[in-house]
Amino acid sequence: MTSARSAGEVRELVVAGAAVPLLAGAEVGPTWYDGQWWYVPADAPDGADYVLADAELAEEFDRLRARAERVDGAWE
């Protein structure tokens, strides 16, 4: 399995409906794809690739997704 994906690739996956960003309408940010969370680390240089979230960070993204669902019900 690929351990990094370019921002362009993630954007294409979102547009195609294969991936879902944590925050609806967000251009960049944690994105759910293929049963896993992908994100760009905060300390990464501009243009860095998305990487897989480790278990601890994935749990945090799950909590944030649940909060977003309660706020706007937009998560599918």
N, C-alpha and C. Protein backbone atom coordinates (compact mmCIF):
# COMPACT_ATOMS: atom_id res chain seq x y z
N MET A 1 0.84 -1.18 0.00
CA MET A 1 0.00 0.00 0.00
C MET A 1 0.89 1.24 0.00
N THR A 2 0.43 2.26 -0.70
CA THR A 2 1.15 3.53 -0.77
C THR A 2 1.13 4.21 0.58
N SER A 3 2.28 4.76 1.00
CA SER A 3 2.34 5.45 2.28
C SER A 3 2.31 6.96 2.13
N ALA A 4 2.28 7.47 0.88
CA ALA A 4 2.17 8.90 0.64
C ALA A 4 1.39 9.13 -0.65
N ARG A 5 0.64 10.21 -0.67
CA ARG A 5 -0.15 10.59 -1.84
C ARG A 5 0.00 12.09 -2.03
N SER A 6 0.14 12.52 -3.25
CA SER A 6 0.28 13.95 -3.51
C SER A 6 -1.04 14.66 -3.24
N ALA A 7 -0.95 15.97 -3.00
CA ALA A 7 -2.16 16.76 -2.78
C ALA A 7 -3.05 16.71 -4.01
N GLY A 8 -2.45 16.71 -5.19
CA GLY A 8 -3.24 16.62 -6.42
C GLY A 8 -4.00 15.32 -6.51
N GLU A 9 -3.35 14.23 -6.14
CA GLU A 9 -4.02 12.93 -6.17
C GLU A 9 -5.18 12.90 -5.18
N VAL A 10 -4.97 13.42 -3.97
CA VAL A 10 -6.04 13.44 -2.97
C VAL A 10 -7.20 14.32 -3.47
N ARG A 11 -6.89 15.46 -4.06
CA ARG A 11 -7.92 16.35 -4.59
C ARG A 11 -8.75 15.62 -5.66
N GLU A 12 -8.08 14.88 -6.55
CA GLU A 12 -8.79 14.11 -7.58
C GLU A 12 -9.69 13.05 -6.95
N LEU A 13 -9.22 12.40 -5.90
CA LEU A 13 -10.03 11.39 -5.21
C LEU A 13 -11.27 12.02 -4.58
N VAL A 14 -11.11 13.22 -4.01
CA VAL A 14 -12.26 13.92 -3.41
C VAL A 14 -13.26 14.29 -4.50
N VAL A 15 -12.78 14.88 -5.59
CA VAL A 15 -13.67 15.28 -6.69
C VAL A 15 -14.42 14.07 -7.25
N ALA A 16 -13.75 12.94 -7.33
CA ALA A 16 -14.37 11.71 -7.85
C ALA A 16 -15.32 11.06 -6.85
N GLY A 17 -15.31 11.54 -5.61
CA GLY A 17 -16.18 10.96 -4.59
C GLY A 17 -15.59 9.75 -3.90
N ALA A 18 -14.33 9.44 -4.18
CA ALA A 18 -13.68 8.28 -3.57
C ALA A 18 -13.09 8.60 -2.20
N ALA A 19 -12.87 9.89 -1.92
CA ALA A 19 -12.31 10.32 -0.64
C ALA A 19 -13.18 11.45 -0.09
N VAL A 20 -13.18 11.60 1.24
CA VAL A 20 -14.01 12.61 1.89
C VAL A 20 -13.15 13.41 2.86
N PRO A 21 -13.09 14.75 2.66
CA PRO A 21 -12.33 15.56 3.61
C PRO A 21 -13.03 15.62 4.96
N LEU A 22 -12.27 15.78 6.02
CA LEU A 22 -12.84 15.88 7.36
C LEU A 22 -13.83 17.03 7.43
N LEU A 23 -13.46 18.17 6.88
CA LEU A 23 -14.34 19.34 6.87
C LEU A 23 -14.86 19.56 5.46
N ALA A 24 -16.16 19.50 5.31
CA ALA A 24 -16.77 19.67 3.99
C ALA A 24 -16.31 20.99 3.38
N GLY A 25 -15.92 20.91 2.13
CA GLY A 25 -15.49 22.11 1.41
C GLY A 25 -14.05 22.50 1.64
N ALA A 26 -13.36 21.77 2.49
CA ALA A 26 -11.96 22.10 2.77
C ALA A 26 -11.09 21.71 1.59
N GLU A 27 -10.20 22.60 1.20
CA GLU A 27 -9.28 22.32 0.09
C GLU A 27 -8.16 21.39 0.54
N VAL A 28 -7.66 21.60 1.75
CA VAL A 28 -6.56 20.80 2.29
C VAL A 28 -6.93 20.43 3.72
N GLY A 29 -6.63 19.23 4.11
CA GLY A 29 -6.88 18.80 5.49
C GLY A 29 -7.03 17.30 5.55
N PRO A 30 -7.23 16.80 6.75
CA PRO A 30 -7.39 15.35 6.92
C PRO A 30 -8.49 14.83 5.98
N THR A 31 -8.21 13.72 5.35
CA THR A 31 -9.13 13.17 4.35
C THR A 31 -9.25 11.66 4.56
N TRP A 32 -10.48 11.18 4.55
CA TRP A 32 -10.78 9.75 4.70
C TRP A 32 -10.77 9.10 3.33
N TYR A 33 -9.91 8.12 3.15
CA TYR A 33 -9.83 7.42 1.88
C TYR A 33 -9.41 5.97 2.12
N ASP A 34 -10.08 5.06 1.49
CA ASP A 34 -9.74 3.64 1.53
C ASP A 34 -9.67 3.11 2.97
N GLY A 35 -10.60 3.59 3.81
CA GLY A 35 -10.69 3.10 5.18
C GLY A 35 -9.64 3.64 6.13
N GLN A 36 -8.96 4.73 5.71
CA GLN A 36 -7.90 5.29 6.55
C GLN A 36 -7.88 6.82 6.42
N TRP A 37 -7.31 7.45 7.43
CA TRP A 37 -7.13 8.90 7.40
C TRP A 37 -5.78 9.25 6.79
N TRP A 38 -5.79 10.23 5.90
CA TRP A 38 -4.60 10.78 5.27
C TRP A 38 -4.52 12.26 5.65
N TYR A 39 -3.33 12.77 5.88
CA TYR A 39 -3.18 14.17 6.26
C TYR A 39 -1.79 14.67 5.89
N VAL A 40 -1.64 16.00 5.87
CA VAL A 40 -0.34 16.62 5.66
C VAL A 40 0.13 17.08 7.04
N PRO A 41 1.25 16.59 7.52
CA PRO A 41 1.75 16.99 8.84
C PRO A 41 1.91 18.51 8.94
N ALA A 42 1.61 19.05 10.10
CA ALA A 42 1.67 20.50 10.32
C ALA A 42 3.06 21.07 10.07
N ASP A 43 4.09 20.31 10.35
CA ASP A 43 5.45 20.82 10.19
C ASP A 43 6.06 20.49 8.82
N ALA A 44 5.24 19.99 7.91
CA ALA A 44 5.73 19.63 6.59
C ALA A 44 5.93 20.89 5.74
N PRO A 45 6.86 20.85 4.81
CA PRO A 45 7.07 22.00 3.92
C PRO A 45 5.89 22.16 2.96
N ASP A 46 5.75 23.34 2.38
CA ASP A 46 4.71 23.57 1.38
C ASP A 46 4.83 22.53 0.28
N GLY A 47 3.69 22.04 -0.16
CA GLY A 47 3.68 21.07 -1.24
C GLY A 47 3.95 19.64 -0.81
N ALA A 48 4.01 19.39 0.50
CA ALA A 48 4.28 18.04 1.00
C ALA A 48 3.12 17.11 0.67
N ASP A 49 3.43 15.83 0.61
CA ASP A 49 2.42 14.80 0.35
C ASP A 49 1.58 14.51 1.59
N TYR A 50 0.41 13.94 1.33
CA TYR A 50 -0.42 13.39 2.40
C TYR A 50 0.22 12.08 2.84
N VAL A 51 0.15 11.80 4.13
CA VAL A 51 0.65 10.54 4.68
C VAL A 51 -0.45 9.90 5.52
N LEU A 52 -0.31 8.62 5.79
CA LEU A 52 -1.28 7.92 6.63
C LEU A 52 -1.16 8.38 8.08
N ALA A 53 -2.29 8.57 8.73
CA ALA A 53 -2.31 8.91 10.15
C ALA A 53 -2.04 7.66 10.97
N ASP A 54 -1.26 7.81 12.05
CA ASP A 54 -1.06 6.68 12.95
C ASP A 54 -2.34 6.47 13.75
N ALA A 55 -2.39 5.41 14.54
CA ALA A 55 -3.61 5.04 15.27
C ALA A 55 -4.10 6.16 16.20
N GLU A 56 -3.19 6.80 16.90
CA GLU A 56 -3.58 7.86 17.84
C GLU A 56 -4.19 9.06 17.10
N LEU A 57 -3.56 9.48 16.03
CA LEU A 57 -4.07 10.61 15.28
C LEU A 57 -5.37 10.24 14.57
N ALA A 58 -5.47 9.03 14.08
CA ALA A 58 -6.71 8.58 13.43
C ALA A 58 -7.88 8.62 14.41
N GLU A 59 -7.64 8.27 15.67
CA GLU A 59 -8.70 8.35 16.69
C GLU A 59 -9.14 9.80 16.88
N GLU A 60 -8.18 10.73 16.88
CA GLU A 60 -8.52 12.15 17.02
C GLU A 60 -9.34 12.62 15.82
N PHE A 61 -8.96 12.22 14.62
CA PHE A 61 -9.74 12.59 13.43
C PHE A 61 -11.14 11.99 13.51
N ASP A 62 -11.27 10.77 14.02
CA ASP A 62 -12.60 10.16 14.19
C ASP A 62 -13.45 10.98 15.15
N ARG A 63 -12.84 11.44 16.25
CA ARG A 63 -13.58 12.28 17.21
C ARG A 63 -14.02 13.59 16.56
N LEU A 64 -13.12 14.20 15.80
CA LEU A 64 -13.46 15.44 15.12
C LEU A 64 -14.55 15.22 14.07
N ARG A 65 -14.50 14.10 13.37
CA ARG A 65 -15.54 13.79 12.39
C ARG A 65 -16.89 13.66 13.09
N ALA A 66 -16.92 12.99 14.24
CA ALA A 66 -18.18 12.83 14.98
C ALA A 66 -18.73 14.20 15.40
N ARG A 67 -17.85 15.10 15.81
CA ARG A 67 -18.29 16.45 16.19
C ARG A 67 -18.86 17.18 14.98
N ALA A 68 -18.20 17.05 13.83
CA ALA A 68 -18.68 17.70 12.62
C ALA A 68 -20.05 17.15 12.23
N GLU A 69 -20.26 15.85 12.38
CA GLU A 69 -21.55 15.24 12.09
C GLU A 69 -22.64 15.85 12.95
N ARG A 70 -22.34 16.04 14.22
CA ARG A 70 -23.34 16.61 15.13
C ARG A 70 -23.65 18.06 14.77
N VAL A 71 -22.67 18.77 14.28
CA VAL A 71 -22.86 20.18 13.95
C VAL A 71 -23.67 20.35 12.68
N ASP A 72 -23.30 19.65 11.61
CA ASP A 72 -23.99 19.91 10.35
C ASP A 72 -24.59 18.69 9.68
N GLY A 73 -24.35 17.50 10.21
CA GLY A 73 -24.93 16.30 9.63
C GLY A 73 -24.47 16.01 8.21
N ALA A 74 -23.34 16.59 7.81
CA ALA A 74 -22.89 16.47 6.43
C ALA A 74 -22.07 15.23 6.15
N TRP A 75 -21.60 14.53 7.17
CA TRP A 75 -20.73 13.37 6.92
C TRP A 75 -21.53 12.23 6.33
N GLU A 76 -20.96 11.59 5.35
CA GLU A 76 -21.65 10.46 4.72
C GLU A 76 -20.87 9.19 4.98
